[in-house]
mmCIF file of all heavy atoms, coordinates in Angstrom:
data_MODEL
# 
_entry.id   MODEL 
# 
loop_
_atom_site.group_PDB 
_atom_site.id 
_atom_site.type_symbol 
_atom_site.label_atom_id 
_atom_site.label_alt_id 
_atom_site.label_comp_id 
_atom_site.label_asym_id 
_atom_site.label_entity_id 
_atom_site.label_seq_id 
_atom_site.pdbx_PDB_ins_code 
_atom_site.Cartn_x 
_atom_site.Cartn_y 
_atom_site.Cartn_z 
_atom_site.occupancy 
_atom_site.B_iso_or_equiv 
_atom_site.pdbx_formal_charge 
_atom_site.auth_seq_id 
_atom_site.auth_comp_id 
_atom_site.auth_asym_id 
_atom_site.auth_atom_id 
_atom_site.pdbx_PDB_model_num 
ATOM 1   N N   . HIS A 1 1  ? 13.211  5.778   -0.660  1.00 0.00 ? 1  HIS A N   1 
ATOM 2   C CA  . HIS A 1 1  ? 13.585  6.031   -2.060  1.00 0.00 ? 1  HIS A CA  1 
ATOM 3   C C   . HIS A 1 1  ? 15.045  5.700   -2.348  1.00 0.00 ? 1  HIS A C   1 
ATOM 4   O O   . HIS A 1 1  ? 15.429  5.585   -3.514  1.00 0.00 ? 1  HIS A O   1 
ATOM 5   C CB  . HIS A 1 1  ? 13.252  7.473   -2.462  1.00 0.00 ? 1  HIS A CB  1 
ATOM 6   C CG  . HIS A 1 1  ? 14.124  8.524   -1.853  1.00 0.00 ? 1  HIS A CG  1 
ATOM 7   N ND1 . HIS A 1 1  ? 14.396  9.720   -2.475  1.00 0.00 ? 1  HIS A ND1 1 
ATOM 8   C CD2 . HIS A 1 1  ? 14.778  8.599   -0.658  1.00 0.00 ? 1  HIS A CD2 1 
ATOM 9   C CE1 . HIS A 1 1  ? 15.166  10.480  -1.719  1.00 0.00 ? 1  HIS A CE1 1 
ATOM 10  N NE2 . HIS A 1 1  ? 15.404  9.816   -0.618  1.00 0.00 ? 1  HIS A NE2 1 
ATOM 11  N N   . HIS A 1 2  ? 15.856  5.541   -1.311  1.00 0.00 ? 2  HIS A N   1 
ATOM 12  C CA  . HIS A 1 2  ? 17.243  5.125   -1.530  1.00 0.00 ? 2  HIS A CA  1 
ATOM 13  C C   . HIS A 1 2  ? 17.378  3.620   -1.711  1.00 0.00 ? 2  HIS A C   1 
ATOM 14  O O   . HIS A 1 2  ? 18.441  3.143   -2.105  1.00 0.00 ? 2  HIS A O   1 
ATOM 15  C CB  . HIS A 1 2  ? 18.113  5.516   -0.328  1.00 0.00 ? 2  HIS A CB  1 
ATOM 16  C CG  . HIS A 1 2  ? 18.245  6.993   -0.111  1.00 0.00 ? 2  HIS A CG  1 
ATOM 17  N ND1 . HIS A 1 2  ? 18.729  7.852   -1.066  1.00 0.00 ? 2  HIS A ND1 1 
ATOM 18  C CD2 . HIS A 1 2  ? 17.961  7.763   0.974   1.00 0.00 ? 2  HIS A CD2 1 
ATOM 19  C CE1 . HIS A 1 2  ? 18.737  9.094   -0.590  1.00 0.00 ? 2  HIS A CE1 1 
ATOM 20  N NE2 . HIS A 1 2  ? 18.271  9.058   0.640   1.00 0.00 ? 2  HIS A NE2 1 
ATOM 21  N N   . GLY A 1 3  ? 16.341  2.852   -1.399  1.00 0.00 ? 3  GLY A N   1 
ATOM 22  C CA  . GLY A 1 3  ? 16.474  1.411   -1.287  1.00 0.00 ? 3  GLY A CA  1 
ATOM 23  C C   . GLY A 1 3  ? 15.918  0.636   -2.463  1.00 0.00 ? 3  GLY A C   1 
ATOM 24  O O   . GLY A 1 3  ? 15.535  1.174   -3.502  1.00 0.00 ? 3  GLY A O   1 
ATOM 25  N N   . ILE A 1 4  ? 15.895  -0.665  -2.274  1.00 0.00 ? 4  ILE A N   1 
ATOM 26  C CA  . ILE A 1 4  ? 15.318  -1.620  -3.219  1.00 0.00 ? 4  ILE A CA  1 
ATOM 27  C C   . ILE A 1 4  ? 14.268  -2.410  -2.451  1.00 0.00 ? 4  ILE A C   1 
ATOM 28  O O   . ILE A 1 4  ? 14.440  -2.737  -1.274  1.00 0.00 ? 4  ILE A O   1 
ATOM 29  C CB  . ILE A 1 4  ? 16.400  -2.576  -3.777  1.00 0.00 ? 4  ILE A CB  1 
ATOM 30  C CG1 . ILE A 1 4  ? 17.340  -1.808  -4.717  1.00 0.00 ? 4  ILE A CG1 1 
ATOM 31  C CG2 . ILE A 1 4  ? 15.784  -3.744  -4.502  1.00 0.00 ? 4  ILE A CG2 1 
ATOM 32  C CD1 . ILE A 1 4  ? 16.718  -1.342  -6.011  1.00 0.00 ? 4  ILE A CD1 1 
ATOM 33  N N   . THR A 1 5  ? 13.177  -2.751  -3.111  1.00 0.00 ? 5  THR A N   1 
ATOM 34  C CA  . THR A 1 5  ? 12.085  -3.442  -2.438  1.00 0.00 ? 5  THR A CA  1 
ATOM 35  C C   . THR A 1 5  ? 12.502  -4.852  -2.032  1.00 0.00 ? 5  THR A C   1 
ATOM 36  O O   . THR A 1 5  ? 12.939  -5.649  -2.871  1.00 0.00 ? 5  THR A O   1 
ATOM 37  C CB  . THR A 1 5  ? 10.859  -3.533  -3.359  1.00 0.00 ? 5  THR A CB  1 
ATOM 38  O OG1 . THR A 1 5  ? 10.588  -2.239  -3.890  1.00 0.00 ? 5  THR A OG1 1 
ATOM 39  C CG2 . THR A 1 5  ? 9.642   -4.028  -2.586  1.00 0.00 ? 5  THR A CG2 1 
ATOM 40  N N   . GLY A 1 6  ? 12.371  -5.153  -0.740  1.00 0.00 ? 6  GLY A N   1 
ATOM 41  C CA  . GLY A 1 6  ? 12.663  -6.496  -0.255  1.00 0.00 ? 6  GLY A CA  1 
ATOM 42  C C   . GLY A 1 6  ? 11.438  -7.387  -0.362  1.00 0.00 ? 6  GLY A C   1 
ATOM 43  O O   . GLY A 1 6  ? 10.436  -7.049  -1.004  1.00 0.00 ? 6  GLY A O   1 
ATOM 44  N N   . PHE A 1 7  ? 11.505  -8.518  0.284   1.00 0.00 ? 7  PHE A N   1 
ATOM 45  C CA  . PHE A 1 7  ? 10.398  -9.475  0.228   1.00 0.00 ? 7  PHE A CA  1 
ATOM 46  C C   . PHE A 1 7  ? 9.643   -9.546  1.555   1.00 0.00 ? 7  PHE A C   1 
ATOM 47  O O   . PHE A 1 7  ? 8.844   -10.436 1.777   1.00 0.00 ? 7  PHE A O   1 
ATOM 48  C CB  . PHE A 1 7  ? 10.930  -10.864 -0.146  1.00 0.00 ? 7  PHE A CB  1 
ATOM 49  C CG  . PHE A 1 7  ? 11.356  -10.951 -1.577  1.00 0.00 ? 7  PHE A CG  1 
ATOM 50  C CD1 . PHE A 1 7  ? 12.638  -10.573 -1.948  1.00 0.00 ? 7  PHE A CD1 1 
ATOM 51  C CD2 . PHE A 1 7  ? 10.477  -11.369 -2.560  1.00 0.00 ? 7  PHE A CD2 1 
ATOM 52  C CE1 . PHE A 1 7  ? 13.034  -10.642 -3.274  1.00 0.00 ? 7  PHE A CE1 1 
ATOM 53  C CE2 . PHE A 1 7  ? 10.867  -11.433 -3.889  1.00 0.00 ? 7  PHE A CE2 1 
ATOM 54  C CZ  . PHE A 1 7  ? 12.149  -11.062 -4.253  1.00 0.00 ? 7  PHE A CZ  1 
ATOM 55  N N   . GLU A 1 8  ? 9.946   -8.541  2.432   1.00 0.00 ? 8  GLU A N   1 
ATOM 56  C CA  . GLU A 1 8  ? 9.293   -8.551  3.722   1.00 0.00 ? 8  GLU A CA  1 
ATOM 57  C C   . GLU A 1 8  ? 8.074   -7.638  3.759   1.00 0.00 ? 8  GLU A C   1 
ATOM 58  O O   . GLU A 1 8  ? 7.439   -7.479  4.791   1.00 0.00 ? 8  GLU A O   1 
ATOM 59  C CB  . GLU A 1 8  ? 10.285  -8.098  4.815   1.00 0.00 ? 8  GLU A CB  1 
ATOM 60  C CG  . GLU A 1 8  ? 10.701  -6.627  4.718   1.00 0.00 ? 8  GLU A CG  1 
ATOM 61  C CD  . GLU A 1 8  ? 11.733  -6.349  3.632   1.00 0.00 ? 8  GLU A CD  1 
ATOM 62  O OE1 . GLU A 1 8  ? 12.233  -7.319  3.044   1.00 0.00 ? 8  GLU A OE1 1 
ATOM 63  O OE2 . GLU A 1 8  ? 12.038  -5.178  3.385   1.00 0.00 ? 8  GLU A OE2 1 
ATOM 64  N N   . ASN A 1 9  ? 7.728   -7.034  2.626   1.00 0.00 ? 9  ASN A N   1 
ATOM 65  C CA  . ASN A 1 9  ? 6.617   -6.084  2.596   1.00 0.00 ? 9  ASN A CA  1 
ATOM 66  C C   . ASN A 1 9  ? 5.304   -6.742  3.015   1.00 0.00 ? 9  ASN A C   1 
ATOM 67  O O   . ASN A 1 9  ? 4.957   -7.826  2.536   1.00 0.00 ? 9  ASN A O   1 
ATOM 68  C CB  . ASN A 1 9  ? 6.437   -5.503  1.185   1.00 0.00 ? 9  ASN A CB  1 
ATOM 69  C CG  . ASN A 1 9  ? 7.626   -4.673  0.769   1.00 0.00 ? 9  ASN A CG  1 
ATOM 70  O OD1 . ASN A 1 9  ? 8.719   -5.194  0.663   1.00 0.00 ? 9  ASN A OD1 1 
ATOM 71  N ND2 . ASN A 1 9  ? 7.422   -3.389  0.535   1.00 0.00 ? 9  ASN A ND2 1 
ATOM 72  N N   . SER A 1 10 ? 4.590   -6.051  3.897   1.00 0.00 ? 10 SER A N   1 
ATOM 73  C CA  . SER A 1 10 ? 3.263   -6.529  4.272   1.00 0.00 ? 10 SER A CA  1 
ATOM 74  C C   . SER A 1 10 ? 2.267   -6.175  3.170   1.00 0.00 ? 10 SER A C   1 
ATOM 75  O O   . SER A 1 10 ? 2.501   -5.294  2.350   1.00 0.00 ? 10 SER A O   1 
ATOM 76  C CB  . SER A 1 10 ? 2.827   -5.885  5.590   1.00 0.00 ? 10 SER A CB  1 
ATOM 77  O OG  . SER A 1 10 ? 2.819   -4.471  5.470   1.00 0.00 ? 10 SER A OG  1 
ATOM 78  N N   . SER A 1 11 ? 1.165   -6.894  3.149   1.00 0.00 ? 11 SER A N   1 
ATOM 79  C CA  . SER A 1 11 ? 0.147   -6.630  2.136   1.00 0.00 ? 11 SER A CA  1 
ATOM 80  C C   . SER A 1 11 ? -0.696  -5.435  2.553   1.00 0.00 ? 11 SER A C   1 
ATOM 81  O O   . SER A 1 11 ? -1.025  -5.274  3.730   1.00 0.00 ? 11 SER A O   1 
ATOM 82  C CB  . SER A 1 11 ? -0.744  -7.857  1.955   1.00 0.00 ? 11 SER A CB  1 
ATOM 83  O OG  . SER A 1 11 ? 0.008   -8.940  1.462   1.00 0.00 ? 11 SER A OG  1 
ATOM 84  N N   . PRO A 1 12 ? -1.063  -4.597  1.597   1.00 0.00 ? 12 PRO A N   1 
ATOM 85  C CA  . PRO A 1 12 ? -1.905  -3.448  1.938   1.00 0.00 ? 12 PRO A CA  1 
ATOM 86  C C   . PRO A 1 12 ? -3.367  -3.849  2.022   1.00 0.00 ? 12 PRO A C   1 
ATOM 87  O O   . PRO A 1 12 ? -3.774  -4.934  1.578   1.00 0.00 ? 12 PRO A O   1 
ATOM 88  C CB  . PRO A 1 12 ? -1.671  -2.502  0.766   1.00 0.00 ? 12 PRO A CB  1 
ATOM 89  C CG  . PRO A 1 12 ? -1.419  -3.417  -0.400  1.00 0.00 ? 12 PRO A CG  1 
ATOM 90  C CD  . PRO A 1 12 ? -0.675  -4.602  0.172   1.00 0.00 ? 12 PRO A CD  1 
ATOM 91  N N   . SER A 1 13 ? -4.157  -2.965  2.588   1.00 0.00 ? 13 SER A N   1 
ATOM 92  C CA  . SER A 1 13 ? -5.609  -3.107  2.517   1.00 0.00 ? 13 SER A CA  1 
ATOM 93  C C   . SER A 1 13 ? -6.120  -2.235  1.381   1.00 0.00 ? 13 SER A C   1 
ATOM 94  O O   . SER A 1 13 ? -5.517  -1.220  1.050   1.00 0.00 ? 13 SER A O   1 
ATOM 95  C CB  . SER A 1 13 ? -6.262  -2.706  3.840   1.00 0.00 ? 13 SER A CB  1 
ATOM 96  O OG  . SER A 1 13 ? -5.972  -1.348  4.145   1.00 0.00 ? 13 SER A OG  1 
ATOM 97  N N   . PHE A 1 14 ? -7.225  -2.641  0.780   1.00 0.00 ? 14 PHE A N   1 
ATOM 98  C CA  . PHE A 1 14 ? -7.771  -1.963  -0.388  1.00 0.00 ? 14 PHE A CA  1 
ATOM 99  C C   . PHE A 1 14 ? -9.183  -1.481  -0.090  1.00 0.00 ? 14 PHE A C   1 
ATOM 100 O O   . PHE A 1 14 ? -9.935  -2.113  0.649   1.00 0.00 ? 14 PHE A O   1 
ATOM 101 C CB  . PHE A 1 14 ? -7.833  -2.909  -1.591  1.00 0.00 ? 14 PHE A CB  1 
ATOM 102 C CG  . PHE A 1 14 ? -6.502  -3.371  -2.099  1.00 0.00 ? 14 PHE A CG  1 
ATOM 103 C CD1 . PHE A 1 14 ? -5.828  -4.407  -1.476  1.00 0.00 ? 14 PHE A CD1 1 
ATOM 104 C CD2 . PHE A 1 14 ? -5.918  -2.775  -3.197  1.00 0.00 ? 14 PHE A CD2 1 
ATOM 105 C CE1 . PHE A 1 14 ? -4.604  -4.850  -1.945  1.00 0.00 ? 14 PHE A CE1 1 
ATOM 106 C CE2 . PHE A 1 14 ? -4.688  -3.211  -3.681  1.00 0.00 ? 14 PHE A CE2 1 
ATOM 107 C CZ  . PHE A 1 14 ? -4.037  -4.247  -3.043  1.00 0.00 ? 14 PHE A CZ  1 
ATOM 108 N N   . GLN A 1 15 ? -9.520  -0.361  -0.713  1.00 0.00 ? 15 GLN A N   1 
ATOM 109 C CA  . GLN A 1 15 ? -10.901 0.103   -0.698  1.00 0.00 ? 15 GLN A CA  1 
ATOM 110 C C   . GLN A 1 15 ? -11.203 0.704   -2.061  1.00 0.00 ? 15 GLN A C   1 
ATOM 111 O O   . GLN A 1 15 ? -10.468 1.576   -2.536  1.00 0.00 ? 15 GLN A O   1 
ATOM 112 C CB  . GLN A 1 15 ? -11.121 1.131   0.411   1.00 0.00 ? 15 GLN A CB  1 
ATOM 113 C CG  . GLN A 1 15 ? -12.566 1.599   0.520   1.00 0.00 ? 15 GLN A CG  1 
ATOM 114 C CD  . GLN A 1 15 ? -12.784 2.513   1.716   1.00 0.00 ? 15 GLN A CD  1 
ATOM 115 O OE1 . GLN A 1 15 ? -11.957 2.584   2.611   1.00 0.00 ? 15 GLN A OE1 1 
ATOM 116 N NE2 . GLN A 1 15 ? -13.915 3.217   1.712   1.00 0.00 ? 15 GLN A NE2 1 
ATOM 117 N N   . THR A 1 16 ? -12.258 0.239   -2.695  1.00 0.00 ? 16 THR A N   1 
ATOM 118 C CA  . THR A 1 16 ? -12.609 0.739   -4.026  1.00 0.00 ? 16 THR A CA  1 
ATOM 119 C C   . THR A 1 16 ? -14.010 1.327   -4.005  1.00 0.00 ? 16 THR A C   1 
ATOM 120 O O   . THR A 1 16 ? -14.863 0.947   -3.207  1.00 0.00 ? 16 THR A O   1 
ATOM 121 C CB  . THR A 1 16 ? -12.557 -0.387  -5.074  1.00 0.00 ? 16 THR A CB  1 
ATOM 122 O OG1 . THR A 1 16 ? -13.482 -1.404  -4.708  1.00 0.00 ? 16 THR A OG1 1 
ATOM 123 C CG2 . THR A 1 16 ? -11.168 -0.970  -5.180  1.00 0.00 ? 16 THR A CG2 1 
ATOM 124 N N   . SER A 1 17 ? -14.198 2.296   -4.905  1.00 0.00 ? 17 SER A N   1 
ATOM 125 C CA  . SER A 1 17 ? -15.520 2.880   -5.131  1.00 0.00 ? 17 SER A CA  1 
ATOM 126 C C   . SER A 1 17 ? -15.541 3.390   -6.559  1.00 0.00 ? 17 SER A C   1 
ATOM 127 O O   . SER A 1 17 ? -14.578 3.177   -7.306  1.00 0.00 ? 17 SER A O   1 
ATOM 128 C CB  . SER A 1 17 ? -15.802 4.000   -4.124  1.00 0.00 ? 17 SER A CB  1 
ATOM 129 O OG  . SER A 1 17 ? -14.833 5.030   -4.249  1.00 0.00 ? 17 SER A OG  1 
ATOM 130 N N   . ASP A 1 18 ? -16.597 4.073   -6.935  1.00 0.00 ? 18 ASP A N   1 
ATOM 131 C CA  . ASP A 1 18 ? -16.668 4.585   -8.299  1.00 0.00 ? 18 ASP A CA  1 
ATOM 132 C C   . ASP A 1 18 ? -15.485 5.503   -8.587  1.00 0.00 ? 18 ASP A C   1 
ATOM 133 O O   . ASP A 1 18 ? -15.300 6.529   -7.917  1.00 0.00 ? 18 ASP A O   1 
ATOM 134 C CB  . ASP A 1 18 ? -17.973 5.363   -8.511  1.00 0.00 ? 18 ASP A CB  1 
ATOM 135 C CG  . ASP A 1 18 ? -19.182 4.455   -8.511  1.00 0.00 ? 18 ASP A CG  1 
ATOM 136 O OD1 . ASP A 1 18 ? -18.992 3.228   -8.647  1.00 0.00 ? 18 ASP A OD1 1 
ATOM 137 O OD2 . ASP A 1 18 ? -20.310 4.967   -8.351  1.00 0.00 ? 18 ASP A OD2 1 
ATOM 138 N N   . HIS A 1 19 ? -14.670 5.133   -9.550  1.00 0.00 ? 19 HIS A N   1 
ATOM 139 C CA  . HIS A 1 19 ? -13.553 5.951   -10.025 1.00 0.00 ? 19 HIS A CA  1 
ATOM 140 C C   . HIS A 1 19 ? -12.461 6.148   -8.974  1.00 0.00 ? 19 HIS A C   1 
ATOM 141 O O   . HIS A 1 19 ? -11.610 7.026   -9.139  1.00 0.00 ? 19 HIS A O   1 
ATOM 142 C CB  . HIS A 1 19 ? -14.035 7.334   -10.502 1.00 0.00 ? 19 HIS A CB  1 
ATOM 143 C CG  . HIS A 1 19 ? -15.265 7.305   -11.332 1.00 0.00 ? 19 HIS A CG  1 
ATOM 144 N ND1 . HIS A 1 19 ? -15.416 6.450   -12.406 1.00 0.00 ? 19 HIS A ND1 1 
ATOM 145 C CD2 . HIS A 1 19 ? -16.424 8.010   -11.252 1.00 0.00 ? 19 HIS A CD2 1 
ATOM 146 C CE1 . HIS A 1 19 ? -16.603 6.639   -12.962 1.00 0.00 ? 19 HIS A CE1 1 
ATOM 147 N NE2 . HIS A 1 19 ? -17.242 7.565   -12.269 1.00 0.00 ? 19 HIS A NE2 1 
ATOM 148 N N   . GLU A 1 20 ? -12.435 5.361   -7.894  1.00 0.00 ? 20 GLU A N   1 
ATOM 149 C CA  . GLU A 1 20 ? -11.454 5.573   -6.838  1.00 0.00 ? 20 GLU A CA  1 
ATOM 150 C C   . GLU A 1 20 ? -10.896 4.246   -6.334  1.00 0.00 ? 20 GLU A C   1 
ATOM 151 O O   . GLU A 1 20 ? -11.572 3.218   -6.345  1.00 0.00 ? 20 GLU A O   1 
ATOM 152 C CB  . GLU A 1 20 ? -12.070 6.344   -5.667  1.00 0.00 ? 20 GLU A CB  1 
ATOM 153 C CG  . GLU A 1 20 ? -12.532 7.739   -6.030  1.00 0.00 ? 20 GLU A CG  1 
ATOM 154 C CD  . GLU A 1 20 ? -13.062 8.504   -4.819  1.00 0.00 ? 20 GLU A CD  1 
ATOM 155 O OE1 . GLU A 1 20 ? -13.101 7.920   -3.719  1.00 0.00 ? 20 GLU A OE1 1 
ATOM 156 O OE2 . GLU A 1 20 ? -13.432 9.673   -4.982  1.00 0.00 ? 20 GLU A OE2 1 
ATOM 157 N N   . LEU A 1 21 ? -9.640  4.311   -5.864  1.00 0.00 ? 21 LEU A N   1 
ATOM 158 C CA  . LEU A 1 21 ? -8.967  3.154   -5.290  1.00 0.00 ? 21 LEU A CA  1 
ATOM 159 C C   . LEU A 1 21 ? -8.035  3.651   -4.192  1.00 0.00 ? 21 LEU A C   1 
ATOM 160 O O   . LEU A 1 21 ? -7.183  4.510   -4.435  1.00 0.00 ? 21 LEU A O   1 
ATOM 161 C CB  . LEU A 1 21 ? -8.170  2.410   -6.378  1.00 0.00 ? 21 LEU A CB  1 
ATOM 162 C CG  . LEU A 1 21 ? -7.240  1.282   -5.928  1.00 0.00 ? 21 LEU A CG  1 
ATOM 163 C CD1 . LEU A 1 21 ? -8.044  0.144   -5.305  1.00 0.00 ? 21 LEU A CD1 1 
ATOM 164 C CD2 . LEU A 1 21 ? -6.412  0.771   -7.111  1.00 0.00 ? 21 LEU A CD2 1 
ATOM 165 N N   . ASP A 1 22 ? -8.203  3.139   -2.971  1.00 0.00 ? 22 ASP A N   1 
ATOM 166 C CA  . ASP A 1 22 ? -7.369  3.507   -1.832  1.00 0.00 ? 22 ASP A CA  1 
ATOM 167 C C   . ASP A 1 22 ? -6.506  2.321   -1.425  1.00 0.00 ? 22 ASP A C   1 
ATOM 168 O O   . ASP A 1 22 ? -6.998  1.194   -1.296  1.00 0.00 ? 22 ASP A O   1 
ATOM 169 C CB  . ASP A 1 22 ? -8.220  3.938   -0.639  1.00 0.00 ? 22 ASP A CB  1 
ATOM 170 C CG  . ASP A 1 22 ? -8.888  5.285   -0.852  1.00 0.00 ? 22 ASP A CG  1 
ATOM 171 O OD1 . ASP A 1 22 ? -8.558  5.939   -1.862  1.00 0.00 ? 22 ASP A OD1 1 
ATOM 172 O OD2 . ASP A 1 22 ? -9.727  5.669   -0.025  1.00 0.00 ? 22 ASP A OD2 1 
ATOM 173 N N   . ILE A 1 23 ? -5.198  2.614   -1.193  1.00 0.00 ? 23 ILE A N   1 
ATOM 174 C CA  . ILE A 1 23 ? -4.236  1.592   -0.788  1.00 0.00 ? 23 ILE A CA  1 
ATOM 175 C C   . ILE A 1 23 ? -3.657  2.019   0.556   1.00 0.00 ? 23 ILE A C   1 
ATOM 176 O O   . ILE A 1 23 ? -3.109  3.120   0.681   1.00 0.00 ? 23 ILE A O   1 
ATOM 177 C CB  . ILE A 1 23 ? -3.084  1.455   -1.812  1.00 0.00 ? 23 ILE A CB  1 
ATOM 178 C CG1 . ILE A 1 23 ? -3.629  1.391   -3.243  1.00 0.00 ? 23 ILE A CG1 1 
ATOM 179 C CG2 . ILE A 1 23 ? -2.211  0.259   -1.482  1.00 0.00 ? 23 ILE A CG2 1 
ATOM 180 C CD1 . ILE A 1 23 ? -4.505  0.212   -3.506  1.00 0.00 ? 23 ILE A CD1 1 
ATOM 181 N N   . SER A 1 24 ? -3.744  1.154   1.568   1.00 0.00 ? 24 SER A N   1 
ATOM 182 C CA  . SER A 1 24 ? -3.272  1.513   2.911   1.00 0.00 ? 24 SER A CA  1 
ATOM 183 C C   . SER A 1 24 ? -2.337  0.437   3.445   1.00 0.00 ? 24 SER A C   1 
ATOM 184 O O   . SER A 1 24 ? -2.685  -0.747  3.480   1.00 0.00 ? 24 SER A O   1 
ATOM 185 C CB  . SER A 1 24 ? -4.459  1.669   3.866   1.00 0.00 ? 24 SER A CB  1 
ATOM 186 O OG  . SER A 1 24 ? -5.327  2.694   3.441   1.00 0.00 ? 24 SER A OG  1 
ATOM 187 N N   . TYR A 1 25 ? -1.135  0.874   3.842   1.00 0.00 ? 25 TYR A N   1 
ATOM 188 C CA  . TYR A 1 25 ? -0.188  0.028   4.550   1.00 0.00 ? 25 TYR A CA  1 
ATOM 189 C C   . TYR A 1 25 ? -0.170  0.443   6.020   1.00 0.00 ? 25 TYR A C   1 
ATOM 190 O O   . TYR A 1 25 ? -0.357  1.627   6.338   1.00 0.00 ? 25 TYR A O   1 
ATOM 191 C CB  . TYR A 1 25 ? 1.228   0.190   3.982   1.00 0.00 ? 25 TYR A CB  1 
ATOM 192 C CG  . TYR A 1 25 ? 1.481   -0.539  2.688   1.00 0.00 ? 25 TYR A CG  1 
ATOM 193 C CD1 . TYR A 1 25 ? 1.276   0.087   1.464   1.00 0.00 ? 25 TYR A CD1 1 
ATOM 194 C CD2 . TYR A 1 25 ? 1.972   -1.846  2.687   1.00 0.00 ? 25 TYR A CD2 1 
ATOM 195 C CE1 . TYR A 1 25 ? 1.536   -0.573  0.268   1.00 0.00 ? 25 TYR A CE1 1 
ATOM 196 C CE2 . TYR A 1 25 ? 2.233   -2.507  1.493   1.00 0.00 ? 25 TYR A CE2 1 
ATOM 197 C CZ  . TYR A 1 25 ? 2.017   -1.864  0.295   1.00 0.00 ? 25 TYR A CZ  1 
ATOM 198 O OH  . TYR A 1 25 ? 2.284   -2.526  -0.885  1.00 0.00 ? 25 TYR A OH  1 
ATOM 199 N N   . PRO A 1 26 ? 0.088   -0.475  6.939   1.00 0.00 ? 26 PRO A N   1 
ATOM 200 C CA  . PRO A 1 26 ? 0.169   -0.107  8.355   1.00 0.00 ? 26 PRO A CA  1 
ATOM 201 C C   . PRO A 1 26 ? 1.226   0.967   8.599   1.00 0.00 ? 26 PRO A C   1 
ATOM 202 O O   . PRO A 1 26 ? 2.349   0.871   8.095   1.00 0.00 ? 26 PRO A O   1 
ATOM 203 C CB  . PRO A 1 26 ? 0.564   -1.429  9.040   1.00 0.00 ? 26 PRO A CB  1 
ATOM 204 C CG  . PRO A 1 26 ? 0.118   -2.503  8.105   1.00 0.00 ? 26 PRO A CG  1 
ATOM 205 C CD  . PRO A 1 26 ? 0.275   -1.929  6.731   1.00 0.00 ? 26 PRO A CD  1 
ATOM 206 N N   . GLY A 1 27 ? 0.848   1.998   9.342   1.00 0.00 ? 27 GLY A N   1 
ATOM 207 C CA  . GLY A 1 27 ? 1.791   3.053   9.689   1.00 0.00 ? 27 GLY A CA  1 
ATOM 208 C C   . GLY A 1 27 ? 2.107   4.026   8.584   1.00 0.00 ? 27 GLY A C   1 
ATOM 209 O O   . GLY A 1 27 ? 2.996   4.869   8.731   1.00 0.00 ? 27 GLY A O   1 
ATOM 210 N N   . CYS A 1 28 ? 1.409   3.930   7.460   1.00 0.00 ? 28 CYS A N   1 
ATOM 211 C CA  . CYS A 1 28 ? 1.669   4.811   6.317   1.00 0.00 ? 28 CYS A CA  1 
ATOM 212 C C   . CYS A 1 28 ? 0.384   5.537   5.934   1.00 0.00 ? 28 CYS A C   1 
ATOM 213 O O   . CYS A 1 28 ? -0.714  5.021   6.140   1.00 0.00 ? 28 CYS A O   1 
ATOM 214 C CB  . CYS A 1 28 ? 2.165   4.006   5.116   1.00 0.00 ? 28 CYS A CB  1 
ATOM 215 S SG  . CYS A 1 28 ? 3.680   3.074   5.423   1.00 0.00 ? 28 CYS A SG  1 
ATOM 216 N N   . PRO A 1 29 ? 0.510   6.715   5.355   1.00 0.00 ? 29 PRO A N   1 
ATOM 217 C CA  . PRO A 1 29 ? -0.694  7.395   4.872   1.00 0.00 ? 29 PRO A CA  1 
ATOM 218 C C   . PRO A 1 29 ? -1.327  6.632   3.719   1.00 0.00 ? 29 PRO A C   1 
ATOM 219 O O   . PRO A 1 29 ? -0.647  5.903   2.984   1.00 0.00 ? 29 PRO A O   1 
ATOM 220 C CB  . PRO A 1 29 ? -0.165  8.761   4.410   1.00 0.00 ? 29 PRO A CB  1 
ATOM 221 C CG  . PRO A 1 29 ? 1.284   8.556   4.146   1.00 0.00 ? 29 PRO A CG  1 
ATOM 222 C CD  . PRO A 1 29 ? 1.734   7.506   5.109   1.00 0.00 ? 29 PRO A CD  1 
# 
């Protein structure tokens, strides 16, 4: 939260279902 977004961010994986969307980055909840 102290920083600025760089350009090295990896792409997340997505999972969708009825009324729901999950976003997952490696090593993150």
